[in-house]
PDB file of N, CA and C in Angstrom:
ATOM      1  N   MET A   1     152.355 112.430 152.567  1.00  0.00           N
ATOM      2  CA  MET A   1     151.230 112.964 153.447  1.00  0.00           C
ATOM      3  C   MET A   1     150.660 114.067 153.042  1.00  0.00           C
ATOM      4  N   GLY A   2     150.634 114.251 151.739  1.00  0.00           N
ATOM      5  CA  GLY A   2     149.861 115.328 150.707  1.00  0.00           C
ATOM      6  C   GLY A   2     150.241 116.898 151.016  1.00  0.00           C
ATOM      7  N   GLY A   3     151.722 117.046 151.885  1.00  0.00           N
ATOM      8  CA  GLY A   3     152.325 118.224 151.736  1.00  0.00           C
ATOM      9  C   GLY A   3     151.944 118.488 153.173  1.00  0.00           C
ATOM     10  N   LYS A   4     151.512 117.991 154.387  1.00  0.00           N
ATOM     11  CA  LYS A   4     150.995 118.326 155.508  1.00  0.00           C
ATOM     12  C   LYS A   4     152.385 118.119 156.278  1.00  0.00           C
ATOM     13  N   PRO A   5     152.517 119.152 157.439  1.00  0.00           N
ATOM     14  CA  PRO A   5     153.799 118.745 157.862  1.00  0.00           C
ATOM     15  C   PRO A   5     153.341 117.881 158.719  1.00  0.00           C
ATOM     16  N   CYS A   6     154.824 116.982 159.075  1.00  0.00           N
ATOM     17  CA  CYS A   6     155.050 115.906 159.662  1.00  0.00           C
ATOM     18  C   CYS A   6     155.940 115.987 160.560  1.00  0.00           C
ATOM     19  N   ILE A   7     155.874 114.769 161.527  1.00  0.00           N
ATOM     20  CA  ILE A   7     156.798 114.630 162.845  1.00  0.00           C
ATOM     21  C   ILE A   7     158.034 114.181 162.347  1.00  0.00           C
ATOM     22  N   ARG A   8     158.895 114.668 162.563  1.00  0.00           N
ATOM     23  CA  ARG A   8     160.428 114.315 162.114  1.00  0.00           C
ATOM     24  C   ARG A   8     160.295 113.578 160.704  1.00  0.00           C
ATOM     25  N   GLY A   9     159.628 113.882 159.853  1.00  0.00           N
ATOM     26  CA  GLY A   9     159.069 112.790 158.516  1.00  0.00           C
ATOM     27  C   GLY A   9     158.968 111.822 158.295  1.00  0.00           C
ATOM     28  N   MET A  10     158.035 111.517 159.773  1.00  0.00           N
ATOM     29  CA  MET A  10     157.049 110.145 159.634  1.00  0.00           C
ATOM     30  C   MET A  10     155.826 110.379 159.160  1.00  0.00           C
ATOM     31  N   ARG A  11     155.164 109.554 158.955  1.00  0.00           N
ATOM     32  CA  ARG A  11     153.869 109.387 158.374  1.00  0.00           C
ATOM     33  C   ARG A  11     152.836 109.944 159.723  1.00  0.00           C
ATOM     34  N   VAL A  12     153.137 110.757 160.366  1.00  0.00           N
ATOM     35  CA  VAL A  12     152.193 111.309 161.766  1.00  0.00           C
ATOM     36  C   VAL A  12     152.371 113.058 161.447  1.00  0.00           C
ATOM     37  N   THR A  13     151.096 113.483 161.549  1.00  0.00           N
ATOM     38  CA  THR A  13     151.294 114.787 161.116  1.00  0.00           C
ATOM     39  C   THR A  13     150.991 115.504 162.304  1.00  0.00           C
ATOM     40  N   VAL A  14     150.851 116.824 162.103  1.00  0.00           N
ATOM     41  CA  VAL A  14     151.036 117.568 163.175  1.00  0.00           C
ATOM     42  C   VAL A  14     149.634 118.064 163.580  1.00  0.00           C
ATOM     43  N   GLY A  15     148.594 117.826 162.567  1.00  0.00           N
ATOM     44  CA  GLY A  15     147.182 117.680 163.004  1.00  0.00           C
ATOM     45  C   GLY A  15     146.715 116.334 163.422  1.00  0.00           C
ATOM     46  N   MET A  16     147.383 115.614 163.132  1.00  0.00           N
ATOM     47  CA  MET A  16     146.558 114.069 164.089  1.00  0.00           C
ATOM     48  C   MET A  16     146.897 114.413 165.817  1.00  0.00           C
ATOM     49  N   ILE A  17     148.137 114.931 165.747  1.00  0.00           N
ATOM     50  CA  ILE A  17     148.863 114.991 167.166  1.00  0.00           C
ATOM     51  C   ILE A  17     147.739 116.256 167.610  1.00  0.00           C
ATOM     52  N   VAL A  18     147.861 117.268 167.234  1.00  0.00           N
ATOM     53  CA  VAL A  18     146.675 118.221 167.952  1.00  0.00           C
ATOM     54  C   VAL A  18     145.477 118.054 168.092  1.00  0.00           C
ATOM     55  N   GLU A  19     144.832 117.224 166.669  1.00  0.00           N
ATOM     56  CA  GLU A  19     143.405 116.785 166.758  1.00  0.00           C
ATOM     57  C   GLU A  19     143.164 115.510 168.041  1.00  0.00           C
ATOM     58  N   ALA A  20     144.269 114.979 168.031  1.00  0.00           N
ATOM     59  CA  ALA A  20     143.862 113.749 169.440  1.00  0.00           C
ATOM     60  C   ALA A  20     143.972 114.388 170.886  1.00  0.00           C
ATOM     61  N   LEU A  21     145.092 115.241 171.151  1.00  0.00           N
ATOM     62  CA  LEU A  21     144.881 116.066 172.490  1.00  0.00           C
ATOM     63  C   LEU A  21     143.838 117.133 172.448  1.00  0.00           C
ATOM     64  N   ALA A  22     143.263 117.513 171.347  1.00  0.00           N
ATOM     65  CA  ALA A  22     141.981 118.404 171.478  1.00  0.00           C
ATOM     66  C   ALA A  22     140.485 117.229 171.943  1.00  0.00           C
ATOM     67  N   ALA A  23     140.561 115.991 171.496  1.00  0.00           N
ATOM     68  CA  ALA A  23     139.571 115.279 171.734  1.00  0.00           C
ATOM     69  C   ALA A  23     139.932 114.539 172.995  1.00  0.00           C
ATOM     70  N   GLY A  24     140.662 114.690 173.662  1.00  0.00           N
ATOM     71  CA  GLY A  24     140.843 114.688 175.377  1.00  0.00           C
ATOM     72  C   GLY A  24     142.154 113.405 175.603  1.00  0.00           C
ATOM     73  N   ARG A  25     142.710 113.086 174.361  1.00  0.00           N
ATOM     74  CA  ARG A  25     143.863 112.079 174.510  1.00  0.00           C
ATOM     75  C   ARG A  25     145.140 112.847 175.430  1.00  0.00           C
ATOM     76  N   THR A  26     145.558 112.021 175.980  1.00  0.00           N
ATOM     77  CA  THR A  26     146.804 112.528 176.957  1.00  0.00           C
ATOM     78  C   THR A  26     147.830 111.896 176.141  1.00  0.00           C
ATOM     79  N   ILE A  27     149.174 112.719 176.714  1.00  0.00           N
ATOM     80  CA  ILE A  27     150.683 112.974 175.710  1.00  0.00           C
ATOM     81  C   ILE A  27     151.354 111.254 176.110  1.00  0.00           C
ATOM     82  N   ASP A  28     150.717 110.571 177.430  1.00  0.00           N
ATOM     83  CA  ASP A  28     150.963 109.231 177.478  1.00  0.00           C
ATOM     84  C   ASP A  28     150.451 108.321 176.527  1.00  0.00           C
ATOM     85  N   GLN A  29     149.062 108.699 176.175  1.00  0.00           N
ATOM     86  CA  GLN A  29     148.244 107.652 175.162  1.00  0.00           C
ATOM     87  C   GLN A  29     148.943 108.276 174.360  1.00  0.00           C
ATOM     88  N   LEU A  30     149.304 109.039 173.771  1.00  0.00           N
ATOM     89  CA  LEU A  30     149.464 109.461 172.367  1.00  0.00           C
ATOM     90  C   LEU A  30     150.756 108.377 171.897  1.00  0.00           C
ATOM     91  N   LEU A  31     151.992 108.385 173.105  1.00  0.00           N
ATOM     92  CA  LEU A  31     152.911 108.128 173.180  1.00  0.00           C
ATOM     93  C   LEU A  31     152.674 106.653 172.846  1.00  0.00           C
ATOM     94  N   ALA A  32     151.560 105.990 173.594  1.00  0.00           N
ATOM     95  CA  ALA A  32     151.540 104.579 173.728  1.00  0.00           C
ATOM     96  C   ALA A  32     150.703 103.910 172.411  1.00  0.00           C
ATOM     97  N   ASP A  33     150.081 104.906 171.993  1.00  0.00           N
ATOM     98  CA  ASP A  33     149.384 104.651 170.019  1.00  0.00           C
ATOM     99  C   ASP A  33     150.644 105.005 169.163  1.00  0.00           C
ATOM    100  N   PHE A  34     151.628 105.372 169.588  1.00  0.00           N
ATOM    101  CA  PHE A  34     152.369 105.744 168.206  1.00  0.00           C
ATOM    102  C   PHE A  34     154.285 105.471 169.201  1.00  0.00           C
ATOM    103  N   PRO A  35     154.402 104.330 169.365  1.00  0.00           N
ATOM    104  CA  PRO A  35     155.771 104.142 170.250  1.00  0.00           C
ATOM    105  C   PRO A  35     156.921 104.769 169.320  1.00  0.00           C
ATOM    106  N   TYR A  36     157.111 105.272 168.671  1.00  0.00           N
ATOM    107  CA  TYR A  36     158.331 105.654 167.872  1.00  0.00           C
ATOM    108  C   TYR A  36     158.123 107.252 168.002  1.00  0.00           C
ATOM    109  N   LEU A  37     157.092 108.072 168.630  1.00  0.00           N
ATOM    110  CA  LEU A  37     157.582 109.325 168.787  1.00  0.00           C
ATOM    111  C   LEU A  37     157.737 109.376 170.791  1.00  0.00           C
ATOM    112  N   GLU A  38     158.295 110.555 170.503  1.00  0.00           N
ATOM    113  CA  GLU A  38     158.975 111.278 171.988  1.00  0.00           C
ATOM    114  C   GLU A  38     158.105 112.344 172.436  1.00  0.00           C
ATOM    115  N   GLU A  39     158.239 112.411 173.596  1.00  0.00           N
ATOM    116  CA  GLU A  39     157.439 113.621 173.987  1.00  0.00           C
ATOM    117  C   GLU A  39     157.645 114.773 173.450  1.00  0.00           C
ATOM    118  N   GLN A  40     158.644 114.841 173.185  1.00  0.00           N
ATOM    119  CA  GLN A  40     159.426 116.347 172.803  1.00  0.00           C
ATOM    120  C   GLN A  40     158.878 116.328 171.195  1.00  0.00           C
ATOM    121  N   ASP A  41     158.412 115.392 170.588  1.00  0.00           N
ATOM    122  CA  ASP A  41     157.709 115.722 169.446  1.00  0.00           C
ATOM    123  C   ASP A  41     156.640 116.039 169.603  1.00  0.00           C
ATOM    124  N   ILE A  42     155.607 115.415 170.074  1.00  0.00           N
ATOM    125  CA  ILE A  42     154.053 115.987 171.156  1.00  0.00           C
ATOM    126  C   ILE A  42     154.473 117.693 170.925  1.00  0.00           C
ATOM    127  N   ARG A  43     155.128 117.852 171.698  1.00  0.00           N
ATOM    128  CA  ARG A  43     155.255 119.339 172.318  1.00  0.00           C
ATOM    129  C   ARG A  43     155.701 120.297 170.905  1.00  0.00           C
ATOM    130  N   GLU A  44     156.450 119.790 170.414  1.00  0.00           N
ATOM    131  CA  GLU A  44     156.979 120.631 169.067  1.00  0.00           C
ATOM    132  C   GLU A  44     155.747 120.871 168.114  1.00  0.00           C
ATOM    133  N   ALA A  45     155.027 119.726 168.103  1.00  0.00           N
ATOM    134  CA  ALA A  45     153.447 119.781 167.130  1.00  0.00           C
ATOM    135  C   ALA A  45     152.689 121.093 167.807  1.00  0.00           C
ATOM    136  N   LEU A  46     152.626 121.101 169.104  1.00  0.00           N
ATOM    137  CA  LEU A  46     152.018 121.823 169.898  1.00  0.00           C
ATOM    138  C   LEU A  46     152.709 123.219 169.604  1.00  0.00           C
ATOM    139  N   ALA A  47     153.712 123.420 169.574  1.00  0.00           N
ATOM    140  CA  ALA A  47     154.103 125.015 169.649  1.00  0.00           C
ATOM    141  C   ALA A  47     154.143 125.170 168.032  1.00  0.00           C
ATOM    142  N   PHE A  48     154.121 124.211 166.994  1.00  0.00           N
ATOM    143  CA  PHE A  48     154.285 124.869 165.275  1.00  0.00           C
ATOM    144  C   PHE A  48     153.005 125.188 165.481  1.00  0.00           C
ATOM    145  N   ALA A  49     152.089 124.426 165.850  1.00  0.00           N
ATOM    146  CA  ALA A  49     150.583 125.154 165.748  1.00  0.00           C
ATOM    147  C   ALA A  49     150.200 126.076 166.319  1.00  0.00           C
ATOM    148  N   ALA A  50     150.714 126.365 167.507  1.00  0.00           N
ATOM    149  CA  ALA A  50     150.391 127.682 168.070  1.00  0.00           C
ATOM    150  C   ALA A  50     151.070 128.832 167.629  1.00  0.00           C
ATOM    151  N   ARG A  51     152.052 128.305 166.775  1.00  0.00           N
ATOM    152  CA  ARG A  51     152.859 129.699 165.849  1.00  0.00           C
ATOM    153  C   ARG A  51     152.209 129.892 164.728  1.00  0.00           C
ATOM    154  N   LEU A  52     151.258 129.010 164.334  1.00  0.00           N
ATOM    155  CA  LEU A  52     150.422 129.098 162.882  1.00  0.00           C
ATOM    156  C   LEU A  52     149.200 130.046 163.458  1.00  0.00           C
ATOM    157  N   ALA A  53     148.509 129.422 164.587  1.00  0.00           N
ATOM    158  CA  ALA A  53     147.090 129.980 164.852  1.00  0.00           C
ATOM    159  C   ALA A  53     147.470 131.315 165.080  1.00  0.00           C
ATOM    160  N   GLN A  54     148.987 131.778 165.882  1.00  0.00           N
ATOM    161  CA  GLN A  54     149.082 133.050 166.205  1.00  0.00           C
ATOM    162  C   GLN A  54     149.663 134.050 164.829  1.00  0.00           C
ATOM    163  N   GLY A  55     149.450 133.461 163.324  1.00  0.00           N
ATOM    164  CA  GLY A  55     149.736 134.024 162.540  1.00  0.00           C
ATOM    165  C   GLY A  55     151.448 134.313 161.827  1.00  0.00           C
ATOM    166  N   HIS A  56     152.158 133.873 162.967  1.00  0.00           N
ATOM    167  CA  HIS A  56     153.204 133.838 162.291  1.00  0.00           C
ATOM    168  C   HIS A  56     153.816 132.653 161.055  1.00  0.00           C
ATOM    169  N   GLU A  57     154.663 133.166 160.454  1.00  0.00           N
ATOM    170  CA  GLU A  57     155.206 132.436 159.474  1.00  0.00           C
ATOM    171  C   GLU A  57     156.417 131.406 160.060  1.00  0.00           C
ATOM    172  N   VAL A  58     156.100 130.168 159.786  1.00  0.00           N
ATOM    173  CA  VAL A  58     157.079 128.914 160.140  1.00  0.00           C
ATOM    174  C   VAL A  58     157.680 128.543 158.939  1.00  0.00           C
ATOM    175  N   PRO A  59     159.261 128.579 159.203  1.00  0.00           N
ATOM    176  CA  PRO A  59     159.926 128.093 158.383  1.00  0.00           C
ATOM    177  C   PRO A  59     159.695 126.527 158.204  1.00  0.00           C
ATOM    178  N   LEU A  60     159.798 125.666 156.851  1.00  0.00           N
ATOM    179  CA  LEU A  60     159.771 124.316 156.973  1.00  0.00           C
ATOM    180  C   LEU A  60     161.267 123.769 156.890  1.00  0.00           C
ATOM    181  N   ALA A  61     161.606 122.732 157.134  1.00  0.00           N
ATOM    182  CA  ALA A  61     163.055 121.754 156.758  1.00  0.00           C
ATOM    183  C   ALA A  61     162.771 121.013 155.491  1.00  0.00           C
ATOM    184  N   SER A  62     163.758 121.140 154.618  1.00  0.00           N
ATOM    185  CA  SER A  62     163.172 120.693 153.240  1.00  0.00           C
ATOM    186  C   SER A  62     164.056 119.154 153.442  1.00  0.00           C
TER     187      SER A  62
END
């Protein structure tokens, strides 16, 4: 995915999740769109984006 942060190594990026939520999609709609995701994945994506927006360094798993 071009080095973008992904959800648990899947082909779903943090940006895709945050963008969908910003556009008005709900967590339930995202879970229906991506049945292999769990609610915690979405919450972790939001937490990751929040840390970046606050200027915190975010360690990535290798």
